[in-house]
Amino acid sequence: MTMNQSGLEPLGRAVLLRMFAPEQKEGLIEIPDLVKERMSVIEQRAEVVAVGAECWADERELRAEPGDMVLVTKFAGYVTRGPADGGLYRLVNDRDIFCRILKEKEDE
């Protein structure tokens, strides 16, 4: 289970996500840090860090819980840095999570 070390606690129907950062391989082209950060904001895969107390209250079961990898609506929510760890996070509405990732392709 993922520990919430961000210093942020989602309230109500909010879900705190750590956006997926694709692995950067060494190459000939150097991508500036600002561009990398913007690319991670656009990325739709994320890890659930924490959920608000009212998330999915009107559904039979939770769509996701801390530690799950999920897909979220592109550009949804509010992007911020965690005051405790300085990491990049996104706070989204529980309805912006529309898919849980069960398995990803293994590296060869």
N, C-alpha and C. Protein backbone atom coordinates (compact mmCIF):
# COMPACT_ATOMS: atom_id res chain seq x y z
N MET A 1 0.84 -1.17 0.00
CA MET A 1 0.00 0.00 0.00
C MET A 1 0.89 1.25 0.00
N THR A 2 0.48 2.23 -0.74
CA THR A 2 1.23 3.48 -0.86
C THR A 2 0.99 4.35 0.37
N MET A 3 2.06 4.87 0.93
CA MET A 3 1.96 5.77 2.07
C MET A 3 1.84 7.20 1.54
N ASN A 4 0.98 7.98 2.16
CA ASN A 4 0.80 9.37 1.77
C ASN A 4 1.81 10.23 2.52
N GLN A 5 2.89 10.59 1.84
CA GLN A 5 3.93 11.42 2.43
C GLN A 5 3.90 12.83 1.84
N SER A 6 2.83 13.16 1.14
CA SER A 6 2.74 14.43 0.43
C SER A 6 2.49 15.62 1.35
N GLY A 7 1.84 15.39 2.48
CA GLY A 7 1.41 16.49 3.33
C GLY A 7 0.05 17.02 2.91
N LEU A 8 -0.62 16.33 1.99
CA LEU A 8 -1.94 16.71 1.50
C LEU A 8 -2.96 15.63 1.89
N GLU A 9 -4.14 16.05 2.28
CA GLU A 9 -5.21 15.11 2.60
C GLU A 9 -6.44 15.48 1.78
N PRO A 10 -6.88 14.60 0.87
CA PRO A 10 -8.06 14.92 0.08
C PRO A 10 -9.32 14.91 0.93
N LEU A 11 -10.21 15.85 0.65
CA LEU A 11 -11.46 15.97 1.40
C LEU A 11 -12.65 15.64 0.51
N GLY A 12 -13.75 15.23 1.11
CA GLY A 12 -14.97 14.96 0.36
C GLY A 12 -14.78 13.91 -0.71
N ARG A 13 -15.06 14.28 -1.97
CA ARG A 13 -14.98 13.35 -3.09
C ARG A 13 -13.64 13.44 -3.83
N ALA A 14 -12.66 14.11 -3.26
CA ALA A 14 -11.36 14.29 -3.91
C ALA A 14 -10.49 13.05 -3.77
N VAL A 15 -9.66 12.82 -4.81
CA VAL A 15 -8.71 11.72 -4.81
C VAL A 15 -7.33 12.31 -5.08
N LEU A 16 -6.34 11.96 -4.27
CA LEU A 16 -4.98 12.43 -4.45
C LEU A 16 -4.21 11.40 -5.27
N LEU A 17 -3.62 11.87 -6.38
CA LEU A 17 -2.90 10.99 -7.30
C LEU A 17 -1.45 11.42 -7.44
N ARG A 18 -0.57 10.43 -7.58
CA ARG A 18 0.82 10.68 -7.97
C ARG A 18 0.87 10.29 -9.44
N MET A 19 1.15 11.27 -10.28
CA MET A 19 1.14 11.01 -11.70
C MET A 19 2.29 10.10 -12.10
N PHE A 20 2.04 9.23 -13.05
CA PHE A 20 3.02 8.28 -13.55
C PHE A 20 4.09 9.03 -14.32
N ALA A 21 5.32 8.78 -14.01
CA ALA A 21 6.43 9.40 -14.74
C ALA A 21 7.09 8.33 -15.60
N PRO A 22 6.92 8.41 -16.93
CA PRO A 22 7.54 7.40 -17.80
C PRO A 22 9.04 7.36 -17.60
N GLU A 23 9.60 6.17 -17.70
CA GLU A 23 11.04 6.00 -17.53
C GLU A 23 11.77 6.74 -18.64
N GLN A 24 12.76 7.54 -18.26
CA GLN A 24 13.54 8.30 -19.23
C GLN A 24 14.80 7.51 -19.55
N LYS A 25 14.99 7.20 -20.82
CA LYS A 25 16.18 6.47 -21.25
C LYS A 25 17.19 7.46 -21.81
N GLU A 26 18.46 7.13 -21.61
CA GLU A 26 19.53 7.98 -22.13
C GLU A 26 19.47 8.01 -23.65
N GLY A 27 19.62 9.18 -24.20
CA GLY A 27 19.58 9.31 -25.65
C GLY A 27 20.33 10.54 -26.10
N LEU A 28 20.21 10.84 -27.36
CA LEU A 28 20.92 11.98 -27.92
C LEU A 28 20.22 13.30 -27.64
N ILE A 29 18.92 13.27 -27.43
CA ILE A 29 18.16 14.50 -27.23
C ILE A 29 17.89 14.68 -25.75
N GLU A 30 18.28 15.83 -25.22
CA GLU A 30 18.03 16.15 -23.82
C GLU A 30 16.72 16.93 -23.72
N ILE A 31 15.79 16.44 -22.92
CA ILE A 31 14.51 17.11 -22.73
C ILE A 31 14.60 17.94 -21.46
N PRO A 32 14.32 19.25 -21.56
CA PRO A 32 14.39 20.11 -20.37
C PRO A 32 13.42 19.66 -19.28
N ASP A 33 13.77 19.92 -18.02
CA ASP A 33 12.95 19.50 -16.88
C ASP A 33 11.54 20.07 -16.95
N LEU A 34 11.38 21.32 -17.40
CA LEU A 34 10.06 21.93 -17.49
C LEU A 34 9.17 21.16 -18.46
N VAL A 35 9.73 20.71 -19.57
CA VAL A 35 8.96 19.93 -20.55
C VAL A 35 8.60 18.57 -19.97
N LYS A 36 9.52 17.94 -19.26
CA LYS A 36 9.24 16.64 -18.62
C LYS A 36 8.09 16.78 -17.63
N GLU A 37 8.11 17.88 -16.84
CA GLU A 37 7.06 18.10 -15.85
C GLU A 37 5.71 18.28 -16.53
N ARG A 38 5.68 19.05 -17.61
CA ARG A 38 4.43 19.25 -18.34
C ARG A 38 3.93 17.95 -18.95
N MET A 39 4.85 17.12 -19.44
CA MET A 39 4.45 15.84 -20.02
C MET A 39 3.82 14.95 -18.95
N SER A 40 4.34 14.98 -17.72
CA SER A 40 3.79 14.14 -16.67
C SER A 40 2.40 14.61 -16.25
N VAL A 41 2.11 15.91 -16.42
CA VAL A 41 0.78 16.42 -16.09
C VAL A 41 -0.24 15.93 -17.11
N ILE A 42 0.17 15.79 -18.36
CA ILE A 42 -0.72 15.34 -19.42
C ILE A 42 -0.96 13.84 -19.35
N GLU A 43 0.00 13.10 -18.84
CA GLU A 43 -0.11 11.64 -18.72
C GLU A 43 -1.38 11.27 -17.98
N GLN A 44 -2.05 10.24 -18.45
CA GLN A 44 -3.33 9.85 -17.87
C GLN A 44 -3.22 8.74 -16.83
N ARG A 45 -2.06 8.09 -16.73
CA ARG A 45 -1.88 7.04 -15.72
C ARG A 45 -1.40 7.66 -14.42
N ALA A 46 -1.92 7.13 -13.32
CA ALA A 46 -1.54 7.67 -12.01
C ALA A 46 -1.69 6.59 -10.95
N GLU A 47 -1.03 6.82 -9.83
CA GLU A 47 -1.15 5.94 -8.67
C GLU A 47 -2.00 6.66 -7.62
N VAL A 48 -2.98 5.97 -7.09
CA VAL A 48 -3.83 6.55 -6.04
C VAL A 48 -3.02 6.58 -4.75
N VAL A 49 -2.92 7.77 -4.16
CA VAL A 49 -2.19 7.95 -2.91
C VAL A 49 -3.15 7.99 -1.73
N ALA A 50 -4.26 8.72 -1.87
CA ALA A 50 -5.25 8.82 -0.79
C ALA A 50 -6.60 9.19 -1.39
N VAL A 51 -7.67 8.82 -0.69
CA VAL A 51 -9.03 9.14 -1.16
C VAL A 51 -9.78 9.87 -0.05
N GLY A 52 -10.67 10.79 -0.45
CA GLY A 52 -11.51 11.50 0.50
C GLY A 52 -12.56 10.57 1.10
N ALA A 53 -13.12 10.96 2.21
CA ALA A 53 -14.07 10.12 2.95
C ALA A 53 -15.36 9.85 2.18
N GLU A 54 -15.75 10.71 1.25
CA GLU A 54 -17.02 10.54 0.53
C GLU A 54 -16.86 9.98 -0.88
N CYS A 55 -15.66 9.55 -1.25
CA CYS A 55 -15.43 9.01 -2.59
C CYS A 55 -16.28 7.76 -2.83
N TRP A 56 -16.96 7.75 -3.95
CA TRP A 56 -17.76 6.62 -4.40
C TRP A 56 -18.77 6.16 -3.35
N ALA A 57 -19.27 7.08 -2.54
CA ALA A 57 -20.22 6.75 -1.48
C ALA A 57 -21.53 6.21 -2.04
N ASP A 58 -21.88 6.62 -3.25
CA ASP A 58 -23.16 6.18 -3.84
C ASP A 58 -23.00 4.94 -4.73
N GLU A 59 -21.84 4.31 -4.70
CA GLU A 59 -21.60 3.10 -5.49
C GLU A 59 -21.44 1.90 -4.57
N ARG A 60 -21.62 0.72 -5.12
CA ARG A 60 -21.54 -0.50 -4.32
C ARG A 60 -20.13 -0.78 -3.81
N GLU A 61 -19.12 -0.44 -4.62
CA GLU A 61 -17.74 -0.69 -4.20
C GLU A 61 -16.85 0.45 -4.68
N LEU A 62 -15.68 0.56 -4.06
CA LEU A 62 -14.73 1.60 -4.44
C LEU A 62 -14.18 1.33 -5.84
N ARG A 63 -14.03 2.37 -6.64
CA ARG A 63 -13.41 2.21 -7.96
C ARG A 63 -11.92 1.97 -7.83
N ALA A 64 -11.32 2.58 -6.82
CA ALA A 64 -9.88 2.44 -6.60
C ALA A 64 -9.56 2.76 -5.15
N GLU A 65 -8.42 2.27 -4.70
CA GLU A 65 -7.96 2.55 -3.35
C GLU A 65 -6.46 2.83 -3.39
N PRO A 66 -5.90 3.36 -2.32
CA PRO A 66 -4.48 3.69 -2.33
C PRO A 66 -3.62 2.51 -2.77
N GLY A 67 -2.68 2.81 -3.68
CA GLY A 67 -1.80 1.80 -4.24
C GLY A 67 -2.20 1.35 -5.63
N ASP A 68 -3.46 1.56 -6.02
CA ASP A 68 -3.94 1.17 -7.35
C ASP A 68 -3.40 2.11 -8.42
N MET A 69 -3.10 1.55 -9.60
CA MET A 69 -2.78 2.35 -10.79
C MET A 69 -4.09 2.55 -11.54
N VAL A 70 -4.34 3.77 -11.98
CA VAL A 70 -5.61 4.11 -12.63
C VAL A 70 -5.38 5.00 -13.85
N LEU A 71 -6.43 5.11 -14.66
CA LEU A 71 -6.47 6.08 -15.74
C LEU A 71 -7.44 7.18 -15.34
N VAL A 72 -7.05 8.42 -15.60
CA VAL A 72 -7.89 9.56 -15.25
C VAL A 72 -8.17 10.38 -16.50
N THR A 73 -9.20 11.18 -16.42
CA THR A 73 -9.55 12.08 -17.50
C THR A 73 -8.40 13.05 -17.74
N LYS A 74 -8.03 13.24 -19.00
CA LYS A 74 -6.92 14.12 -19.34
C LYS A 74 -7.21 15.54 -18.87
N PHE A 75 -6.22 16.17 -18.27
CA PHE A 75 -6.27 17.55 -17.76
C PHE A 75 -7.25 17.74 -16.60
N ALA A 76 -7.72 16.66 -15.98
CA ALA A 76 -8.65 16.78 -14.86
C ALA A 76 -7.93 17.26 -13.61
N GLY A 77 -8.66 17.94 -12.77
CA GLY A 77 -8.19 18.27 -11.43
C GLY A 77 -7.22 19.42 -11.33
N TYR A 78 -6.55 19.43 -10.21
CA TYR A 78 -5.65 20.51 -9.82
C TYR A 78 -4.28 19.92 -9.54
N VAL A 79 -3.26 20.43 -10.22
CA VAL A 79 -1.88 19.95 -10.04
C VAL A 79 -1.19 20.81 -9.00
N THR A 80 -0.50 20.16 -8.06
CA THR A 80 0.20 20.88 -7.00
C THR A 80 1.41 20.08 -6.54
N ARG A 81 2.25 20.73 -5.79
CA ARG A 81 3.40 20.06 -5.16
C ARG A 81 3.05 19.76 -3.71
N GLY A 82 3.45 18.59 -3.26
CA GLY A 82 3.22 18.23 -1.87
C GLY A 82 4.09 19.08 -0.96
N PRO A 83 3.52 19.74 0.04
CA PRO A 83 4.32 20.59 0.92
C PRO A 83 5.33 19.82 1.76
N ALA A 84 5.08 18.55 2.02
CA ALA A 84 5.97 17.76 2.85
C ALA A 84 7.13 17.15 2.06
N ASP A 85 6.86 16.69 0.83
CA ASP A 85 7.90 16.00 0.07
C ASP A 85 8.28 16.68 -1.25
N GLY A 86 7.54 17.70 -1.67
CA GLY A 86 7.87 18.42 -2.90
C GLY A 86 7.51 17.68 -4.17
N GLY A 87 6.84 16.52 -4.05
CA GLY A 87 6.45 15.73 -5.21
C GLY A 87 5.30 16.36 -5.97
N LEU A 88 5.14 15.98 -7.24
CA LEU A 88 4.08 16.50 -8.08
C LEU A 88 2.85 15.60 -7.94
N TYR A 89 1.72 16.21 -7.57
CA TYR A 89 0.48 15.48 -7.35
C TYR A 89 -0.66 16.14 -8.11
N ARG A 90 -1.74 15.37 -8.27
CA ARG A 90 -2.96 15.91 -8.87
C ARG A 90 -4.13 15.52 -7.98
N LEU A 91 -4.98 16.48 -7.66
CA LEU A 91 -6.22 16.22 -6.94
C LEU A 91 -7.34 16.22 -7.95
N VAL A 92 -8.09 15.12 -8.03
CA VAL A 92 -9.19 15.00 -8.98
C VAL A 92 -10.46 14.61 -8.25
N ASN A 93 -11.59 14.82 -8.91
CA ASN A 93 -12.88 14.37 -8.42
C ASN A 93 -12.94 12.85 -8.59
N ASP A 94 -13.63 12.15 -7.72
CA ASP A 94 -13.70 10.69 -7.83
C ASP A 94 -14.27 10.24 -9.18
N ARG A 95 -15.09 11.04 -9.81
CA ARG A 95 -15.68 10.68 -11.11
C ARG A 95 -14.69 10.79 -12.26
N ASP A 96 -13.54 11.43 -12.03
CA ASP A 96 -12.53 11.57 -13.09
C ASP A 96 -11.69 10.31 -13.26
N ILE A 97 -11.83 9.36 -12.34
CA ILE A 97 -11.14 8.07 -12.46
C ILE A 97 -12.09 7.11 -13.15
N PHE A 98 -11.69 6.64 -14.33
CA PHE A 98 -12.60 5.81 -15.10
C PHE A 98 -12.08 4.41 -15.40
N CYS A 99 -10.86 4.09 -14.96
CA CYS A 99 -10.33 2.76 -15.23
C CYS A 99 -9.24 2.42 -14.22
N ARG A 100 -9.26 1.19 -13.73
CA ARG A 100 -8.18 0.69 -12.88
C ARG A 100 -7.29 -0.19 -13.76
N ILE A 101 -5.99 -0.01 -13.68
CA ILE A 101 -5.05 -0.81 -14.47
C ILE A 101 -4.72 -2.06 -13.67
N LEU A 102 -5.08 -3.21 -14.22
CA LEU A 102 -4.86 -4.47 -13.51
C LEU A 102 -3.50 -5.08 -13.79
N LYS A 103 -3.03 -4.92 -15.03
CA LYS A 103 -1.74 -5.50 -15.41
C LYS A 103 -1.15 -4.71 -16.55
N GLU A 104 0.16 -4.47 -16.48
CA GLU A 104 0.85 -3.79 -17.55
C GLU A 104 1.85 -4.74 -18.19
N LYS A 105 2.23 -4.45 -19.41
CA LYS A 105 3.16 -5.30 -20.15
C LYS A 105 4.49 -5.36 -19.41
N GLU A 106 5.03 -6.55 -19.30
CA GLU A 106 6.31 -6.75 -18.63
C GLU A 106 7.43 -6.35 -19.57
N ASP A 107 8.51 -5.77 -19.00
CA ASP A 107 9.69 -5.43 -19.81
C ASP A 107 10.35 -6.71 -20.29
N GLU A 108 10.90 -6.63 -21.49
CA GLU A 108 11.53 -7.82 -22.07
C GLU A 108 13.00 -7.86 -21.76
